[in-house]
Amino acid sequence: MATANATRKRSLAWDYFYKEEESTFCEICKEEVKTSGNTSNLFRHLQSNHKDEYTELEKHRLEQASQKKMKVAVKQPSLKESFATAQPY
């Protein structure tokens, strides 16, 4: 049986941070960054203090979003295909 963490999506922001007990630290500057169950402060820290890394991260996030949209578009049949497979009552 898979655990919840095995299927949970992980934010790209965590590539730049590590946890030590109950605290989160930046890999680049070793500064402690407060988190409260989300990654907003991680992104804000990168945007404020590590602009190059933040720019790279945003580029990857946009690529992932674009790929996700393409996958959804490929899975959906066209209207013509939908009617062709419809069964009459």
C-alpha atoms as a PDB file:
ATOM      1  CA  MET A   1       0.000   0.000   0.000  1.00  0.00           C
ATOM      2  CA  ALA A   2       1.416   3.397  -0.988  1.00  0.00           C
ATOM      3  CA  THR A   3       1.695   6.125   1.597  1.00  0.00           C
ATOM      4  CA  ALA A   4       0.188   9.556   1.101  1.00  0.00           C
ATOM      5  CA  ASN A   5       3.666  11.040   0.671  1.00  0.00           C
ATOM      6  CA  ALA A   6       4.481   8.645  -2.169  1.00  0.00           C
ATOM      7  CA  THR A   7       1.784  10.131  -4.413  1.00  0.00           C
ATOM      8  CA  ARG A   8       1.977  13.703  -3.143  1.00  0.00           C
ATOM      9  CA  LYS A   9       3.254  16.317  -5.574  1.00  0.00           C
ATOM     10  CA  ARG A  10       6.367  18.167  -4.487  1.00  0.00           C
ATOM     11  CA  SER A  11       6.925  21.823  -5.268  1.00  0.00           C
ATOM     12  CA  LEU A  12       9.981  22.738  -7.318  1.00  0.00           C
ATOM     13  CA  ALA A  13      10.804  25.296  -4.623  1.00  0.00           C
ATOM     14  CA  TRP A  14      12.021  22.479  -2.359  1.00  0.00           C
ATOM     15  CA  ASP A  15      15.012  22.001  -4.690  1.00  0.00           C
ATOM     16  CA  TYR A  16      16.455  25.124  -3.040  1.00  0.00           C
ATOM     17  CA  PHE A  17      15.567  24.357   0.598  1.00  0.00           C
ATOM     18  CA  TYR A  18      16.063  21.657   3.195  1.00  0.00           C
ATOM     19  CA  LYS A  19      14.349  20.829   6.466  1.00  0.00           C
ATOM     20  CA  GLU A  20      16.204  20.354   9.708  1.00  0.00           C
ATOM     21  CA  GLU A  21      13.893  19.220  12.516  1.00  0.00           C
ATOM     22  CA  GLU A  22      11.055  21.782  12.460  1.00  0.00           C
ATOM     23  CA  SER A  23      12.931  24.506  10.542  1.00  0.00           C
ATOM     24  CA  THR A  24      13.448  25.141   6.839  1.00  0.00           C
ATOM     25  CA  PHE A  25      16.704  26.573   5.477  1.00  0.00           C
ATOM     26  CA  CYS A  26      17.791  27.980   2.133  1.00  0.00           C
ATOM     27  CA  GLU A  27      20.431  25.821   0.414  1.00  0.00           C
ATOM     28  CA  ILE A  28      22.068  28.932  -1.059  1.00  0.00           C
ATOM     29  CA  CYS A  29      22.416  31.336   1.875  1.00  0.00           C
ATOM     30  CA  LYS A  30      21.523  29.012   4.793  1.00  0.00           C
ATOM     31  CA  GLU A  31      18.927  31.515   6.059  1.00  0.00           C
ATOM     32  CA  GLU A  32      15.968  30.098   7.970  1.00  0.00           C
ATOM     33  CA  VAL A  33      12.660  30.560   6.145  1.00  0.00           C
ATOM     34  CA  LYS A  34       9.354  30.145   7.968  1.00  0.00           C
ATOM     35  CA  THR A  35       6.782  27.884   6.337  1.00  0.00           C
ATOM     36  CA  SER A  36       3.265  27.177   7.498  1.00  0.00           C
ATOM     37  CA  GLY A  37       2.225  24.247   5.357  1.00  0.00           C
ATOM     38  CA  ASN A  38       2.734  25.985   2.014  1.00  0.00           C
ATOM     39  CA  THR A  39       5.604  27.176  -0.168  1.00  0.00           C
ATOM     40  CA  SER A  40       4.691  30.859  -0.517  1.00  0.00           C
ATOM     41  CA  ASN A  41       7.514  32.018   1.738  1.00  0.00           C
ATOM     42  CA  LEU A  42       9.990  29.794  -0.105  1.00  0.00           C
ATOM     43  CA  PHE A  43       9.135  31.452  -3.411  1.00  0.00           C
ATOM     44  CA  ARG A  44       9.164  34.891  -1.805  1.00  0.00           C
ATOM     45  CA  HIS A  45      12.631  34.257  -0.321  1.00  0.00           C
ATOM     46  CA  LEU A  46      13.996  33.202  -3.718  1.00  0.00           C
ATOM     47  CA  GLN A  47      12.382  36.165  -5.456  1.00  0.00           C
ATOM     48  CA  SER A  48      13.811  38.643  -2.938  1.00  0.00           C
ATOM     49  CA  ASN A  49      17.254  37.174  -2.326  1.00  0.00           C
ATOM     50  CA  HIS A  50      18.185  34.902  -5.254  1.00  0.00           C
ATOM     51  CA  LYS A  51      16.765  36.430  -8.423  1.00  0.00           C
ATOM     52  CA  ASP A  52      18.614  34.175 -10.895  1.00  0.00           C
ATOM     53  CA  GLU A  53      17.410  31.009  -9.164  1.00  0.00           C
ATOM     54  CA  TYR A  54      13.882  32.398  -8.926  1.00  0.00           C
ATOM     55  CA  THR A  55      13.877  33.174 -12.665  1.00  0.00           C
ATOM     56  CA  GLU A  56      15.037  29.626 -13.425  1.00  0.00           C
ATOM     57  CA  LEU A  57      12.384  28.188 -11.120  1.00  0.00           C
ATOM     58  CA  GLU A  58       9.626  30.217 -12.765  1.00  0.00           C
ATOM     59  CA  LYS A  59      10.779  29.022 -16.187  1.00  0.00           C
ATOM     60  CA  HIS A  60      10.470  25.396 -15.026  1.00  0.00           C
ATOM     61  CA  ARG A  61       7.049  26.044 -13.491  1.00  0.00           C
ATOM     62  CA  LEU A  62       5.785  27.508 -16.776  1.00  0.00           C
ATOM     63  CA  GLU A  63       7.185  24.547 -18.723  1.00  0.00           C
ATOM     64  CA  GLN A  64       5.424  22.106 -16.393  1.00  0.00           C
ATOM     65  CA  ALA A  65       2.139  23.988 -16.697  1.00  0.00           C
ATOM     66  CA  SER A  66       2.444  24.000 -20.482  1.00  0.00           C
ATOM     67  CA  GLN A  67       3.180  20.266 -20.589  1.00  0.00           C
ATOM     68  CA  LYS A  68       0.232  19.560 -18.308  1.00  0.00           C
ATOM     69  CA  LYS A  69      -2.109  21.513 -20.601  1.00  0.00           C
ATOM     70  CA  MET A  70      -0.819  19.592 -23.622  1.00  0.00           C
ATOM     71  CA  LYS A  71      -1.454  16.253 -21.893  1.00  0.00           C
ATOM     72  CA  VAL A  72      -5.028  17.229 -21.085  1.00  0.00           C
ATOM     73  CA  ALA A  73      -5.632  18.391 -24.651  1.00  0.00           C
ATOM     74  CA  VAL A  74      -4.338  15.108 -26.087  1.00  0.00           C
ATOM     75  CA  LYS A  75      -6.617  12.985 -23.871  1.00  0.00           C
ATOM     76  CA  GLN A  76      -9.845  14.767 -24.788  1.00  0.00           C
ATOM     77  CA  PRO A  77     -11.569  13.396 -27.920  1.00  0.00           C
ATOM     78  CA  SER A  78     -12.856  15.761 -30.554  1.00  0.00           C
ATOM     79  CA  LEU A  79     -16.580  16.441 -30.878  1.00  0.00           C
ATOM     80  CA  LYS A  80     -16.687  14.387 -34.076  1.00  0.00           C
ATOM     81  CA  GLU A  81     -14.994  11.434 -32.338  1.00  0.00           C
ATOM     82  CA  SER A  82     -17.420  11.685 -29.444  1.00  0.00           C
ATOM     83  CA  PHE A  83     -20.461  11.461 -31.729  1.00  0.00           C
ATOM     84  CA  ALA A  84     -18.897   8.631 -33.730  1.00  0.00           C
ATOM     85  CA  THR A  85     -18.600   6.468 -30.624  1.00  0.00           C
ATOM     86  CA  ALA A  86     -22.049   7.357 -29.224  1.00  0.00           C
ATOM     87  CA  GLN A  87     -24.535   4.517 -28.879  1.00  0.00           C
ATOM     88  CA  PRO A  88     -28.149   5.144 -29.930  1.00  0.00           C
ATOM     89  CA  TYR A  89     -30.824   4.452 -27.279  1.00  0.00           C
END
